[in-house]
Structure formats: structure tokens, C-alpha cells
Amino acid sequence: MLLTPDDVRRKTFTSFTGLFRPDSYDADEVDMFLDEVETSLTVLGLELARLRKELSNG
């Protein structure tokens, strides 16, 4: 399933407050979300390229 702008806007991560790293986020959660963003952007980029080619072929 592709992410929507609303998905990105509303995404929250678990935060940690520690002695050496105050207000940091769970790196695994952030990495998983970035993987979803990358997948969505790749799919959308491929679809855009396909549509542009379709338009140029008339």
C-alpha cells in the first residue's frame, strides 16, 4: 500500500529520553518508515514515467 501525504504528516515515533541522547527516536521505527517512504516514491516515480511515456506516444 502506498503512503499518502497524510500518513507522512501524522507519523509518530517512539521517543526516548536518556542521559546522553535526549529526545531521540527508535532507530528501527524510523528506518522501517523510511523504507516505506522509499517504496512509495519509487512506485510513484515509475508510474509518472509510464504516464509521461504514454502521453508522448500520443
C-alpha atoms as a PDB file:
ATOM      1  CA  MET A   1       0.000   0.000   0.000  1.00  0.00           C
ATOM      2  CA  LEU A   2       1.361   3.418  -0.907  1.00  0.00           C
ATOM      3  CA  LEU A   3       1.779   6.094   1.704  1.00  0.00           C
ATOM      4  CA  THR A   4      -0.317   9.204   1.475  1.00  0.00           C
ATOM      5  CA  PRO A   5       0.787  12.724   2.426  1.00  0.00           C
ATOM      6  CA  ASP A   6      -1.488  12.366   5.457  1.00  0.00           C
ATOM      7  CA  ASP A   7       0.347   9.167   6.508  1.00  0.00           C
ATOM      8  CA  VAL A   8       3.644  11.045   6.474  1.00  0.00           C
ATOM      9  CA  ARG A   9       2.203  14.086   8.242  1.00  0.00           C
ATOM     10  CA  ARG A  10       0.674  12.013  11.048  1.00  0.00           C
ATOM     11  CA  LYS A  11       3.533   9.547  11.569  1.00  0.00           C
ATOM     12  CA  THR A  12       4.878   9.426  15.111  1.00  0.00           C
ATOM     13  CA  PHE A  13       7.833   7.523  16.535  1.00  0.00           C
ATOM     14  CA  THR A  14       8.586   6.205  19.979  1.00  0.00           C
ATOM     15  CA  SER A  15      10.840   8.729  21.687  1.00  0.00           C
ATOM     16  CA  PHE A  16      13.378   8.112  24.388  1.00  0.00           C
ATOM     17  CA  THR A  17      14.865  10.489  26.866  1.00  0.00           C
ATOM     18  CA  GLY A  18      18.271   9.441  28.053  1.00  0.00           C
ATOM     19  CA  LEU A  19      21.312  10.864  29.709  1.00  0.00           C
ATOM     20  CA  PHE A  20      23.436  11.013  26.553  1.00  0.00           C
ATOM     21  CA  ARG A  21      20.771  11.235  23.850  1.00  0.00           C
ATOM     22  CA  PRO A  22      17.846  13.342  24.981  1.00  0.00           C
ATOM     23  CA  ASP A  23      14.726  13.256  22.823  1.00  0.00           C
ATOM     24  CA  SER A  24      15.919  10.569  20.422  1.00  0.00           C
ATOM     25  CA  TYR A  25      13.706   8.224  18.393  1.00  0.00           C
ATOM     26  CA  ASP A  26      13.623   4.463  17.983  1.00  0.00           C
ATOM     27  CA  ALA A  27      16.015   3.946  15.062  1.00  0.00           C
ATOM     28  CA  ASP A  28      14.289   0.745  13.905  1.00  0.00           C
ATOM     29  CA  GLU A  29      10.920   2.524  13.651  1.00  0.00           C
ATOM     30  CA  VAL A  30      12.459   5.389  11.699  1.00  0.00           C
ATOM     31  CA  ASP A  31      14.304   3.003   9.347  1.00  0.00           C
ATOM     32  CA  MET A  32      11.123   0.992   8.679  1.00  0.00           C
ATOM     33  CA  PHE A  33       9.191   4.179   7.917  1.00  0.00           C
ATOM     34  CA  LEU A  34      11.927   5.437   5.594  1.00  0.00           C
ATOM     35  CA  ASP A  35      11.766   2.093   3.759  1.00  0.00           C
ATOM     36  CA  GLU A  36       8.011   2.649   3.261  1.00  0.00           C
ATOM     37  CA  VAL A  37       8.636   6.185   2.005  1.00  0.00           C
ATOM     38  CA  GLU A  38      11.295   4.935  -0.416  1.00  0.00           C
ATOM     39  CA  THR A  39       8.964   2.238  -1.760  1.00  0.00           C
ATOM     40  CA  SER A  40       6.117   4.695  -2.242  1.00  0.00           C
ATOM     41  CA  LEU A  41       8.330   7.226  -4.013  1.00  0.00           C
ATOM     42  CA  THR A  42       9.765   4.519  -6.273  1.00  0.00           C
ATOM     43  CA  VAL A  43       6.309   3.268  -7.270  1.00  0.00           C
ATOM     44  CA  LEU A  44       5.059   6.798  -7.889  1.00  0.00           C
ATOM     45  CA  GLY A  45       8.165   7.674  -9.912  1.00  0.00           C
ATOM     46  CA  LEU A  46       7.719   4.611 -12.108  1.00  0.00           C
ATOM     47  CA  GLU A  47       4.043   5.427 -12.619  1.00  0.00           C
ATOM     48  CA  LEU A  48       4.899   9.011 -13.528  1.00  0.00           C
ATOM     49  CA  ALA A  49       7.480   7.825 -16.065  1.00  0.00           C
ATOM     50  CA  ARG A  50       4.951   5.398 -17.564  1.00  0.00           C
ATOM     51  CA  LEU A  51       2.306   8.115 -17.880  1.00  0.00           C
ATOM     52  CA  ARG A  52       4.771  10.563 -19.430  1.00  0.00           C
ATOM     53  CA  LYS A  53       5.802   7.943 -21.987  1.00  0.00           C
ATOM     54  CA  GLU A  54       2.151   7.188 -22.729  1.00  0.00           C
ATOM     55  CA  LEU A  55       1.454  10.886 -23.306  1.00  0.00           C
ATOM     56  CA  SER A  56       4.468  11.361 -25.536  1.00  0.00           C
ATOM     57  CA  ASN A  57       3.458   8.378 -27.689  1.00  0.00           C
ATOM     58  CA  GLY A  58       0.074  10.017 -28.198  1.00  0.00           C
END
